[in-house]
Amino acid sequence: MNEEKAKIWIFRDYERCSGCRRCEIACSLKHEGRIWPEASRVRVFMLIPGLEIPHLCTQCPDYPCISACPFKALTVDEKTSAVLVDVDKCTGCGKCIDACPGKVPFIHPKMRYAVICDLCGGEPECVRVCMEAGYNALLKVPRFATQAYKVYARKPEDIVRDLALKVYGEEWGEWI
């Protein structure tokens, strides 16, 4: 297996998300040792009733969050391509959040450092439980440099607007 294929990415099929939040639970159990959705690296947003979307780091090809960090607290995991946060260097300044086109990172609710998906070292728990439930809204796929991942690095409201148009049609705006 070449090094390129060893890197992974989490594909999201927003139409398949049921809003069960198993991904949030599995992530917080893995990283926090308890069910704590507010600290989960994947967050499920419901901005329009009936449309829930998983929101997590897309590992942008240019990693704007890493460039924006004045404390060099963010690095790329060479094995997976995930953004890793050095909690000892991170001050929680929020510059990574401002730089992210999807506003994905957030500040840990208790410890005050940036929280970003680390892909669970290559075996994402969120994907495992989503597939186990049969929803397949989150899928682990090989990451190739030639693919456009930044299209997924969008704010939840932008993703939901496009999804609502696709699912509900033009009249969706009347329901908000």
C-alpha atoms as a PDB file:
ATOM      1  CA  MET A   1       0.000   0.000   0.000  1.00  0.00           C
ATOM      2  CA  ASN A   2       1.500   3.347  -0.941  1.00  0.00           C
ATOM      3  CA  GLU A   3       1.614   6.234   1.511  1.00  0.00           C
ATOM      4  CA  GLU A   4      -1.110   8.173  -0.340  1.00  0.00           C
ATOM      5  CA  LYS A   5      -3.665   5.383   0.159  1.00  0.00           C
ATOM      6  CA  ALA A   6      -2.849   5.106   3.871  1.00  0.00           C
ATOM      7  CA  LYS A   7      -4.328   8.561   4.450  1.00  0.00           C
ATOM      8  CA  ILE A   8      -8.049   8.674   5.075  1.00  0.00           C
ATOM      9  CA  TRP A   9     -10.979  11.019   4.874  1.00  0.00           C
ATOM     10  CA  ILE A  10     -14.535  10.890   6.196  1.00  0.00           C
ATOM     11  CA  PHE A  11     -17.084  11.243   3.416  1.00  0.00           C
ATOM     12  CA  ARG A  12     -20.448  12.603   4.552  1.00  0.00           C
ATOM     13  CA  ASP A  13     -23.710  11.735   2.834  1.00  0.00           C
ATOM     14  CA  TYR A  14     -25.947  14.353   4.427  1.00  0.00           C
ATOM     15  CA  GLU A  15     -29.161  12.866   3.047  1.00  0.00           C
ATOM     16  CA  ARG A  16     -28.526   9.626   4.960  1.00  0.00           C
ATOM     17  CA  CYS A  17     -28.032  11.250   8.374  1.00  0.00           C
ATOM     18  CA  SER A  18     -30.917  10.292  10.673  1.00  0.00           C
ATOM     19  CA  GLY A  19     -29.891  12.644  13.453  1.00  0.00           C
ATOM     20  CA  CYS A  20     -29.423   9.741  15.874  1.00  0.00           C
ATOM     21  CA  ARG A  21     -26.248  11.368  17.242  1.00  0.00           C
ATOM     22  CA  ARG A  22     -24.501   8.023  17.706  1.00  0.00           C
ATOM     23  CA  CYS A  23     -21.452   9.676  16.133  1.00  0.00           C
ATOM     24  CA  GLU A  24     -21.360  12.381  18.819  1.00  0.00           C
ATOM     25  CA  ILE A  25     -21.765   9.813  21.580  1.00  0.00           C
ATOM     26  CA  ALA A  26     -19.043   7.497  20.235  1.00  0.00           C
ATOM     27  CA  CYS A  27     -16.634  10.385  19.707  1.00  0.00           C
ATOM     28  CA  SER A  28     -17.109  11.851  23.158  1.00  0.00           C
ATOM     29  CA  LEU A  29     -16.782   8.411  24.768  1.00  0.00           C
ATOM     30  CA  LYS A  30     -13.525   7.830  22.862  1.00  0.00           C
ATOM     31  CA  HIS A  31     -11.974  11.235  23.592  1.00  0.00           C
ATOM     32  CA  GLU A  32     -13.600  12.334  26.847  1.00  0.00           C
ATOM     33  CA  GLY A  33     -14.391   9.004  28.512  1.00  0.00           C
ATOM     34  CA  ARG A  34     -18.060   9.915  28.862  1.00  0.00           C
ATOM     35  CA  ILE A  35     -21.081  10.915  26.814  1.00  0.00           C
ATOM     36  CA  TRP A  36     -20.528  14.628  26.276  1.00  0.00           C
ATOM     37  CA  PRO A  37     -21.775  15.822  22.866  1.00  0.00           C
ATOM     38  CA  GLU A  38     -20.597  19.381  23.567  1.00  0.00           C
ATOM     39  CA  ALA A  39     -17.007  18.097  23.466  1.00  0.00           C
ATOM     40  CA  SER A  40     -17.455  15.717  20.514  1.00  0.00           C
ATOM     41  CA  ARG A  41     -15.189  16.253  17.497  1.00  0.00           C
ATOM     42  CA  VAL A  42     -18.196  15.598  15.250  1.00  0.00           C
ATOM     43  CA  ARG A  43     -21.265  17.707  15.876  1.00  0.00           C
ATOM     44  CA  VAL A  44     -24.732  17.165  14.527  1.00  0.00           C
ATOM     45  CA  PHE A  45     -26.679  20.303  13.668  1.00  0.00           C
ATOM     46  CA  MET A  46     -30.427  20.555  13.056  1.00  0.00           C
ATOM     47  CA  LEU A  47     -31.068  24.019  11.693  1.00  0.00           C
ATOM     48  CA  ILE A  48     -34.218  22.994   9.797  1.00  0.00           C
ATOM     49  CA  PRO A  49     -36.563  20.352  11.249  1.00  0.00           C
ATOM     50  CA  GLY A  50     -35.991  16.980   9.619  1.00  0.00           C
ATOM     51  CA  LEU A  51     -32.528  17.839   8.308  1.00  0.00           C
ATOM     52  CA  GLU A  52     -29.637  16.966  10.565  1.00  0.00           C
ATOM     53  CA  ILE A  53     -26.064  17.115   9.385  1.00  0.00           C
ATOM     54  CA  PRO A  54     -22.810  15.775  10.812  1.00  0.00           C
ATOM     55  CA  HIS A  55     -20.173  18.528  10.877  1.00  0.00           C
ATOM     56  CA  LEU A  56     -16.486  17.733  11.283  1.00  0.00           C
ATOM     57  CA  CYS A  57     -13.046  18.633   9.967  1.00  0.00           C
ATOM     58  CA  THR A  58     -12.500  18.071   6.244  1.00  0.00           C
ATOM     59  CA  GLN A  59      -8.705  18.252   6.312  1.00  0.00           C
ATOM     60  CA  CYS A  60      -8.571  21.084   3.747  1.00  0.00           C
ATOM     61  CA  PRO A  61      -5.686  20.658   1.297  1.00  0.00           C
ATOM     62  CA  ASP A  62      -4.166  23.978   2.408  1.00  0.00           C
ATOM     63  CA  TYR A  63      -4.973  23.568   6.141  1.00  0.00           C
ATOM     64  CA  PRO A  64      -5.838  27.236   6.845  1.00  0.00           C
ATOM     65  CA  CYS A  65      -6.295  26.463  10.555  1.00  0.00           C
ATOM     66  CA  ILE A  66      -2.672  25.384  10.869  1.00  0.00           C
ATOM     67  CA  SER A  67      -1.379  28.475   9.078  1.00  0.00           C
ATOM     68  CA  ALA A  68      -3.471  30.715  11.319  1.00  0.00           C
ATOM     69  CA  CYS A  69      -2.218  29.292  14.623  1.00  0.00           C
ATOM     70  CA  PRO A  70       0.267  31.750  16.127  1.00  0.00           C
ATOM     71  CA  PHE A  71       1.426  29.182  18.700  1.00  0.00           C
ATOM     72  CA  LYS A  72       2.223  26.289  16.311  1.00  0.00           C
ATOM     73  CA  ALA A  73      -0.217  24.138  18.272  1.00  0.00           C
ATOM     74  CA  LEU A  74      -1.657  22.458  15.164  1.00  0.00           C
ATOM     75  CA  THR A  75       0.085  19.891  12.981  1.00  0.00           C
ATOM     76  CA  VAL A  76      -0.902  17.324  10.351  1.00  0.00           C
ATOM     77  CA  ASP A  77      -0.764  13.638  11.226  1.00  0.00           C
ATOM     78  CA  GLU A  78       1.379  12.192   8.444  1.00  0.00           C
ATOM     79  CA  LYS A  79      -0.348   8.822   8.739  1.00  0.00           C
ATOM     80  CA  THR A  80      -3.961   9.968   8.453  1.00  0.00           C
ATOM     81  CA  SER A  81      -3.889  13.643   7.309  1.00  0.00           C
ATOM     82  CA  ALA A  82      -5.873  14.677  10.400  1.00  0.00           C
ATOM     83  CA  VAL A  83      -5.188  17.946  12.190  1.00  0.00           C
ATOM     84  CA  LEU A  84      -3.672  17.283  15.598  1.00  0.00           C
ATOM     85  CA  VAL A  85      -3.911  19.773  18.471  1.00  0.00           C
ATOM     86  CA  ASP A  86      -1.062  20.063  20.968  1.00  0.00           C
ATOM     87  CA  VAL A  87      -3.114  20.962  24.047  1.00  0.00           C
ATOM     88  CA  ASP A  88       0.006  22.181  25.855  1.00  0.00           C
ATOM     89  CA  LYS A  89       0.645  24.813  23.153  1.00  0.00           C
ATOM     90  CA  CYS A  90      -2.953  25.773  22.346  1.00  0.00           C
ATOM     91  CA  THR A  91      -4.221  28.857  24.183  1.00  0.00           C
ATOM     92  CA  GLY A  92      -7.763  28.708  22.837  1.00  0.00           C
ATOM     93  CA  CYS A  93      -7.308  32.001  20.973  1.00  0.00           C
ATOM     94  CA  GLY A  94      -9.759  30.918  18.242  1.00  0.00           C
ATOM     95  CA  LYS A  95      -7.658  31.942  15.237  1.00  0.00           C
ATOM     96  CA  CYS A  96      -8.061  28.423  13.809  1.00  0.00           C
ATOM     97  CA  ILE A  97     -11.837  28.805  14.001  1.00  0.00           C
ATOM     98  CA  ASP A  98     -11.725  32.132  12.187  1.00  0.00           C
ATOM     99  CA  ALA A  99      -9.486  30.665   9.457  1.00  0.00           C
ATOM    100  CA  CYS A 100     -11.612  27.542   8.883  1.00  0.00           C
ATOM    101  CA  PRO A 101     -14.005  27.963   5.941  1.00  0.00           C
ATOM    102  CA  GLY A 102     -16.518  25.699   7.718  1.00  0.00           C
ATOM    103  CA  LYS A 103     -15.969  27.108  11.217  1.00  0.00           C
ATOM    104  CA  VAL A 104     -15.454  23.513  12.344  1.00  0.00           C
ATOM    105  CA  PRO A 105     -12.977  23.814  15.249  1.00  0.00           C
ATOM    106  CA  PHE A 106     -14.406  24.934  18.565  1.00  0.00           C
ATOM    107  CA  ILE A 107     -13.013  25.587  22.022  1.00  0.00           C
ATOM    108  CA  HIS A 108     -13.297  22.672  24.450  1.00  0.00           C
ATOM    109  CA  PRO A 109     -16.103  23.490  26.902  1.00  0.00           C
ATOM    110  CA  LYS A 110     -13.943  22.839  29.962  1.00  0.00           C
ATOM    111  CA  MET A 111     -10.261  22.722  29.065  1.00  0.00           C
ATOM    112  CA  ARG A 112     -10.190  25.800  26.748  1.00  0.00           C
ATOM    113  CA  TYR A 113      -8.184  24.406  23.797  1.00  0.00           C
ATOM    114  CA  ALA A 114      -9.190  23.950  20.161  1.00  0.00           C
ATOM    115  CA  VAL A 115     -11.041  20.743  19.371  1.00  0.00           C
ATOM    116  CA  ILE A 116     -10.650  19.256  15.885  1.00  0.00           C
ATOM    117  CA  CYS A 117     -11.315  15.727  14.587  1.00  0.00           C
ATOM    118  CA  ASP A 118      -8.174  13.595  14.818  1.00  0.00           C
ATOM    119  CA  LEU A 119      -9.709  10.701  12.838  1.00  0.00           C
ATOM    120  CA  CYS A 120      -9.197   8.489  15.921  1.00  0.00           C
ATOM    121  CA  GLY A 121      -5.742   7.588  14.669  1.00  0.00           C
ATOM    122  CA  GLY A 122      -7.163   6.127  11.455  1.00  0.00           C
ATOM    123  CA  GLU A 123     -10.189   4.228  12.757  1.00  0.00           C
ATOM    124  CA  PRO A 124     -12.895   6.860  13.294  1.00  0.00           C
ATOM    125  CA  GLU A 125     -15.419   5.814  15.927  1.00  0.00           C
ATOM    126  CA  CYS A 126     -18.120   8.003  14.360  1.00  0.00           C
ATOM    127  CA  VAL A 127     -17.875   6.080  11.094  1.00  0.00           C
ATOM    128  CA  ARG A 128     -17.925   2.721  12.867  1.00  0.00           C
ATOM    129  CA  VAL A 129     -21.142   3.436  14.782  1.00  0.00           C
ATOM    130  CA  CYS A 130     -22.852   5.107  11.813  1.00  0.00           C
ATOM    131  CA  MET A 131     -22.151   2.095   9.615  1.00  0.00           C
ATOM    132  CA  GLU A 132     -23.055  -0.305  12.431  1.00  0.00           C
ATOM    133  CA  ALA A 133     -26.479   1.366  12.631  1.00  0.00           C
ATOM    134  CA  GLY A 134     -26.876   1.034   8.867  1.00  0.00           C
ATOM    135  CA  TYR A 135     -27.161   4.760   8.132  1.00  0.00           C
ATOM    136  CA  ASN A 136     -23.835   5.053   6.278  1.00  0.00           C
ATOM    137  CA  ALA A 137     -23.966   8.844   6.447  1.00  0.00           C
ATOM    138  CA  LEU A 138     -20.283   8.808   7.453  1.00  0.00           C
ATOM    139  CA  LEU A 139     -17.867   6.647   5.488  1.00  0.00           C
ATOM    140  CA  LYS A 140     -14.109   6.206   5.801  1.00  0.00           C
ATOM    141  CA  VAL A 141     -12.545   6.507   2.360  1.00  0.00           C
ATOM    142  CA  PRO A 142      -8.994   6.820   1.028  1.00  0.00           C
ATOM    143  CA  ARG A 143      -7.758  10.395   0.785  1.00  0.00           C
ATOM    144  CA  PHE A 144      -6.178  11.400  -2.507  1.00  0.00           C
ATOM    145  CA  ALA A 145      -4.468  14.738  -3.108  1.00  0.00           C
ATOM    146  CA  THR A 146      -6.299  15.204  -6.404  1.00  0.00           C
ATOM    147  CA  GLN A 147      -9.801  15.293  -4.893  1.00  0.00           C
ATOM    148  CA  ALA A 148     -11.593  18.461  -3.762  1.00  0.00           C
ATOM    149  CA  TYR A 149     -12.263  18.158  -0.030  1.00  0.00           C
ATOM    150  CA  LYS A 150     -12.739  21.853   0.572  1.00  0.00           C
ATOM    151  CA  VAL A 151     -16.273  21.665  -0.839  1.00  0.00           C
ATOM    152  CA  TYR A 152     -17.196  20.003   2.474  1.00  0.00           C
ATOM    153  CA  ALA A 153     -15.536  22.728   4.549  1.00  0.00           C
ATOM    154  CA  ARG A 154     -18.653  24.836   4.785  1.00  0.00           C
ATOM    155  CA  LYS A 155     -20.655  26.339   7.603  1.00  0.00           C
ATOM    156  CA  PRO A 156     -23.621  24.218   8.763  1.00  0.00           C
ATOM    157  CA  GLU A 157     -26.153  26.813   7.647  1.00  0.00           C
ATOM    158  CA  ASP A 158     -24.755  26.723   4.082  1.00  0.00           C
ATOM    159  CA  ILE A 159     -24.841  22.926   3.971  1.00  0.00           C
ATOM    160  CA  VAL A 160     -28.395  22.793   5.340  1.00  0.00           C
ATOM    161  CA  ARG A 161     -29.635  25.459   2.918  1.00  0.00           C
ATOM    162  CA  ASP A 162     -28.428  23.390  -0.049  1.00  0.00           C
ATOM    163  CA  LEU A 163     -29.762  20.162   1.458  1.00  0.00           C
ATOM    164  CA  ALA A 164     -33.176  21.722   2.155  1.00  0.00           C
ATOM    165  CA  LEU A 165     -33.432  22.905  -1.414  1.00  0.00           C
ATOM    166  CA  LYS A 166     -32.627  19.391  -2.627  1.00  0.00           C
ATOM    167  CA  VAL A 167     -34.957  17.589  -0.199  1.00  0.00           C
ATOM    168  CA  TYR A 168     -37.859  20.018   0.219  1.00  0.00           C
ATOM    169  CA  GLY A 169     -37.676  22.025  -2.995  1.00  0.00           C
ATOM    170  CA  GLU A 170     -38.029  25.751  -3.549  1.00  0.00           C
ATOM    171  CA  GLU A 171     -40.684  26.280  -0.872  1.00  0.00           C
ATOM    172  CA  TRP A 172     -38.373  25.225   1.987  1.00  0.00           C
ATOM    173  CA  GLY A 173     -37.733  28.862   2.903  1.00  0.00           C
ATOM    174  CA  GLU A 174     -41.361  29.243   3.982  1.00  0.00           C
ATOM    175  CA  TRP A 175     -40.842  26.675   6.761  1.00  0.00           C
ATOM    176  CA  ILE A 176     -38.158  28.523   8.659  1.00  0.00           C
END
